[in-house]
């Protein structure tokens, strides 16, 4: 069935301090992934340890991938025993799932920050993708989550389908931009959204392969200038 080419989906996010369990409608809503999990940390020290383990796993997953990363290597990286790591994350899949969930948790924060700037929808879309490029350059959890999504057949967990939320978010923004006369005549919001997502994730992938994303911000800036000029109303 062909996808509709118009229509706006909400792109709000849960505000800081919202009730536990609340989630935004539309893109970037919270989707816990089914897997075995360790106990929720009850003390700040346990939470810090859990974060150290997750960050170490993200660094190794980014550099070596899921298959070639072992729990023992994660333990060695943080100076813990393997048993201590298993207390927080009972399987390697649980570690991978935690990294992917934290990858997706980055985007509502980015969206909330850009939305708070009060810009028009087309400029908001530009700012979101520019912020995502920075995250891909600087945030190891974002980098690892992306690699784990590519390696999803190797992971015994049902990871979220990538790219869908970004496409929905941008389609909504571009639909609003169309209604405000910000889009060039004849540009279809959902088609443009799909093209932006393909261009962005293609750019970050090529930048990763060639330069470990050292220049992803610059390469995306070049691409974004061309694409947004093509769809912006004169």
Protein backbone atom coordinates (compact mmCIF):
# COMPACT_ATOMS: atom_id res chain seq x y z
CA UNK A 1 0.00 0.00 0.00
CA UNK A 2 1.51 3.38 -0.97
CA UNK A 3 2.27 5.80 1.84
CA UNK A 4 0.15 8.96 2.05
CA UNK A 5 2.09 12.04 1.05
CA UNK A 6 0.56 14.55 3.40
CA UNK A 7 -0.71 14.85 6.92
CA UNK A 8 0.97 15.99 10.09
CA UNK A 9 1.79 13.85 13.07
CA UNK A 10 2.50 15.47 16.42
CA UNK A 11 6.13 16.00 17.28
CA UNK A 12 5.86 16.97 20.93
CA UNK A 13 7.99 15.35 23.59
CA UNK A 14 7.54 14.67 27.26
CA UNK A 15 8.45 17.79 29.18
CA UNK A 16 10.98 17.61 32.02
CA UNK A 17 9.17 16.64 35.18
CA UNK A 18 6.33 14.87 33.38
CA UNK A 19 4.64 11.98 35.15
CA UNK A 20 6.55 8.67 35.04
CA UNK A 21 5.42 6.57 32.12
CA UNK A 22 4.15 9.58 30.15
CA UNK A 23 5.26 9.55 26.54
CA UNK A 24 4.82 11.89 23.60
CA UNK A 25 2.50 10.97 20.78
CA UNK A 26 4.05 10.45 17.38
CA UNK A 27 7.81 10.21 16.76
CA UNK A 28 10.34 9.43 19.48
CA UNK A 29 7.89 7.92 21.94
CA UNK A 30 9.39 5.56 24.47
CA UNK A 31 9.45 1.93 23.37
CA UNK A 32 11.01 -0.41 25.94
CA UNK A 33 12.62 -3.37 24.17
CA UNK A 34 11.87 -6.86 25.50
CA UNK A 35 14.99 -8.35 27.08
CA UNK A 36 16.29 -9.61 30.41
CA UNK A 37 17.17 -6.70 32.64
CA UNK A 38 19.11 -6.16 35.83
CA UNK A 39 17.58 -4.46 38.88
CA UNK A 40 16.85 -0.76 38.75
CA UNK A 41 19.56 1.08 40.70
CA UNK A 42 18.29 2.37 44.03
CA UNK A 43 21.30 4.50 44.92
CA UNK A 44 23.24 7.17 43.06
CA UNK A 45 26.40 5.09 43.22
CA UNK A 46 24.70 2.13 41.57
CA UNK A 47 23.25 4.41 38.89
CA UNK A 48 26.70 5.87 38.18
CA UNK A 49 28.19 2.39 37.93
CA UNK A 50 25.47 1.31 35.57
CA UNK A 51 26.16 4.35 33.38
CA UNK A 52 29.90 3.62 33.36
CA UNK A 53 29.21 0.07 32.19
CA UNK A 54 26.81 1.25 29.50
CA UNK A 55 29.28 3.87 28.23
CA UNK A 56 32.11 1.32 28.12
CA UNK A 57 29.89 -1.07 26.19
CA UNK A 58 28.95 1.73 23.77
CA UNK A 59 32.62 2.51 23.14
CA UNK A 60 33.38 -1.13 22.39
CA UNK A 61 30.27 -1.68 20.26
CA UNK A 62 31.20 1.41 18.24
CA UNK A 63 34.76 0.24 17.67
CA UNK A 64 34.30 -3.53 17.37
CA UNK A 65 30.62 -4.26 16.80
CA UNK A 66 28.31 -6.58 18.71
CA UNK A 67 29.79 -9.91 17.67
CA UNK A 68 33.39 -8.98 18.48
CA UNK A 69 32.67 -7.37 21.85
CA UNK A 70 32.62 -9.56 24.95
CA UNK A 71 31.22 -8.87 28.40
CA UNK A 72 34.69 -9.57 29.78
CA UNK A 73 36.09 -6.73 27.65
CA UNK A 74 33.41 -4.41 29.00
CA UNK A 75 34.29 -5.47 32.56
CA UNK A 76 38.00 -4.93 31.93
CA UNK A 77 37.34 -1.48 30.53
CA UNK A 78 35.62 -0.31 33.73
CA UNK A 79 37.80 -2.29 36.14
CA UNK A 80 35.03 -4.62 37.29
CA UNK A 81 34.51 -8.36 37.38
CA UNK A 82 32.36 -9.93 34.69
CA UNK A 83 29.93 -10.98 37.42
CA UNK A 84 29.53 -7.37 38.53
CA UNK A 85 28.67 -6.36 34.96
CA UNK A 86 26.15 -9.20 34.75
CA UNK A 87 24.49 -7.87 37.92
CA UNK A 88 23.57 -4.69 36.02
CA UNK A 89 23.14 -6.25 32.56
CA UNK A 90 22.48 -10.01 32.69
CA UNK A 91 23.37 -10.70 29.03
CA UNK A 92 25.33 -9.10 26.22
CA UNK A 93 21.98 -8.58 24.48
CA UNK A 94 20.80 -6.62 27.51
CA UNK A 95 23.82 -4.34 27.14
CA UNK A 96 23.10 -3.82 23.46
CA UNK A 97 19.42 -3.12 24.14
CA UNK A 98 20.34 -0.57 26.82
CA UNK A 99 22.64 1.24 24.39
CA UNK A 100 19.99 1.29 21.66
CA UNK A 101 17.36 2.57 24.10
CA UNK A 102 19.69 5.35 25.21
CA UNK A 103 20.42 6.16 21.56
CA UNK A 104 16.72 6.74 20.98
CA UNK A 105 16.38 8.66 24.25
CA UNK A 106 18.78 11.32 22.88
CA UNK A 107 16.35 12.49 20.20
CA UNK A 108 13.47 13.73 22.42
CA UNK A 109 16.00 15.89 24.28
CA UNK A 110 17.29 17.32 21.00
CA UNK A 111 13.75 17.89 19.79
CA UNK A 112 12.71 19.63 23.00
CA UNK A 113 15.71 21.93 22.86
CA UNK A 114 15.21 22.92 19.23
CA UNK A 115 11.45 23.31 19.63
CA UNK A 116 12.02 25.67 22.57
CA UNK A 117 13.87 28.04 20.21
CA UNK A 118 10.51 28.94 18.65
CA UNK A 119 11.63 28.83 15.02
CA UNK A 120 9.46 28.12 12.00
CA UNK A 121 8.94 24.49 10.98
CA UNK A 122 11.42 24.47 8.08
CA UNK A 123 14.18 26.04 10.15
CA UNK A 124 13.33 23.66 12.98
CA UNK A 125 13.89 20.74 10.63
CA UNK A 126 17.26 22.20 9.62
CA UNK A 127 18.29 22.73 13.23
CA UNK A 128 17.24 19.21 14.24
CA UNK A 129 19.36 17.57 11.56
CA UNK A 130 22.31 19.84 12.35
CA UNK A 131 22.01 18.83 16.00
CA UNK A 132 21.81 15.17 15.05
CA UNK A 133 25.03 15.55 13.03
CA UNK A 134 26.76 16.90 16.13
CA UNK A 135 25.45 13.94 18.13
CA UNK A 136 26.78 11.48 15.58
CA UNK A 137 30.19 13.15 15.78
CA UNK A 138 30.44 13.51 19.55
CA UNK A 139 28.14 11.02 21.33
CA UNK A 140 29.42 7.45 21.54
CA UNK A 141 25.98 6.15 22.55
CA UNK A 142 24.48 7.57 19.35
CA UNK A 143 27.33 6.04 17.34
CA UNK A 144 27.00 2.65 19.02
CA UNK A 145 23.22 2.59 18.75
CA UNK A 146 23.46 3.16 15.03
CA UNK A 147 26.00 0.37 14.53
CA UNK A 148 23.90 -2.01 16.61
CA UNK A 149 20.87 -1.23 14.46
CA UNK A 150 22.85 -2.23 11.39
CA UNK A 151 23.91 -5.44 13.17
CA UNK A 152 20.38 -6.22 14.36
CA UNK A 153 20.32 -9.74 12.79
CA UNK A 154 23.11 -10.72 15.21
CA UNK A 155 21.24 -9.55 18.32
CA UNK A 156 18.60 -11.69 19.96
CA UNK A 157 16.18 -8.82 20.64
CA UNK A 158 13.59 -6.99 18.58
CA UNK A 159 15.18 -3.60 18.09
CA UNK A 160 13.10 -0.65 16.84
CA UNK A 161 12.91 -0.13 13.09
CA UNK A 162 15.33 2.70 12.30
CA UNK A 163 14.57 5.84 10.27
CA UNK A 164 10.78 5.70 10.76
CA UNK A 165 10.58 8.24 13.57
CA UNK A 166 12.85 10.69 11.78
CA UNK A 167 10.77 10.40 8.61
CA UNK A 168 7.52 10.99 10.51
CA UNK A 169 8.93 13.93 12.43
CA UNK A 170 10.28 15.66 9.32
CA UNK A 171 7.11 14.92 7.33
CA UNK A 172 5.10 16.65 10.05
CA UNK A 173 7.38 19.66 10.12
CA UNK A 174 7.39 19.96 6.33
CA UNK A 175 3.60 19.68 6.21
CA UNK A 176 3.42 22.62 8.59
CA UNK A 177 6.00 24.46 6.48
CA UNK A 178 3.85 23.85 3.40
CA UNK A 179 0.80 25.30 5.14
CA UNK A 180 2.83 28.41 6.04
CA UNK A 181 4.10 28.86 2.50
CA UNK A 182 7.69 27.95 3.39
CA UNK A 183 7.99 25.15 0.84
CA UNK A 184 8.62 25.56 -2.84
CA UNK A 185 5.51 24.90 -4.94
CA UNK A 186 5.24 21.25 -5.93
CA UNK A 187 7.38 19.90 -3.08
CA UNK A 188 5.54 17.06 -1.34
CA UNK A 189 6.29 16.99 2.40
CA UNK A 190 6.57 13.24 2.87
CA UNK A 191 8.67 12.76 -0.26
CA UNK A 192 10.99 15.54 0.88
CA UNK A 193 11.15 14.02 4.37
CA UNK A 194 12.18 10.64 2.98
CA UNK A 195 14.86 12.31 0.87
CA UNK A 196 16.22 14.26 3.85
CA UNK A 197 16.39 11.12 6.00
CA UNK A 198 18.11 9.14 3.25
CA UNK A 199 20.60 11.95 2.65
CA UNK A 200 21.33 12.50 6.34
CA UNK A 201 21.88 8.87 7.27
CA UNK A 202 23.79 8.25 4.07
CA UNK A 203 26.05 11.19 4.87
CA UNK A 204 26.74 10.01 8.41
CA UNK A 205 27.44 6.46 7.19
CA UNK A 206 29.87 7.58 4.50
CA UNK A 207 31.54 9.92 6.97
CA UNK A 208 31.91 7.02 9.42
CA UNK A 209 33.42 4.69 6.84
CA UNK A 210 35.86 7.27 5.45
CA UNK A 211 36.81 9.35 8.48
CA UNK A 212 35.14 7.86 11.60
CA UNK A 213 32.66 10.75 11.46
CA UNK A 214 35.35 13.38 12.11
CA UNK A 215 33.84 15.60 9.40
CA UNK A 216 30.19 14.57 9.55
CA UNK A 217 29.07 18.03 10.65
CA UNK A 218 30.81 19.70 7.72
CA UNK A 219 29.65 17.11 5.19
CA UNK A 220 26.05 17.33 6.41
CA UNK A 221 26.18 21.15 6.31
CA UNK A 222 27.16 20.98 2.63
CA UNK A 223 24.37 18.51 1.84
CA UNK A 224 21.76 20.35 3.90
CA UNK A 225 22.50 23.62 2.11
CA UNK A 226 21.71 22.01 -1.23
CA UNK A 227 18.61 20.12 -0.11
CA UNK A 228 16.94 22.88 1.88
CA UNK A 229 17.64 25.37 -0.90
CA UNK A 230 15.86 22.97 -3.26
CA UNK A 231 12.70 22.73 -1.14
CA UNK A 232 12.51 26.25 0.35
CA UNK A 233 10.09 28.73 -1.21
CA UNK A 234 11.78 31.58 -3.03
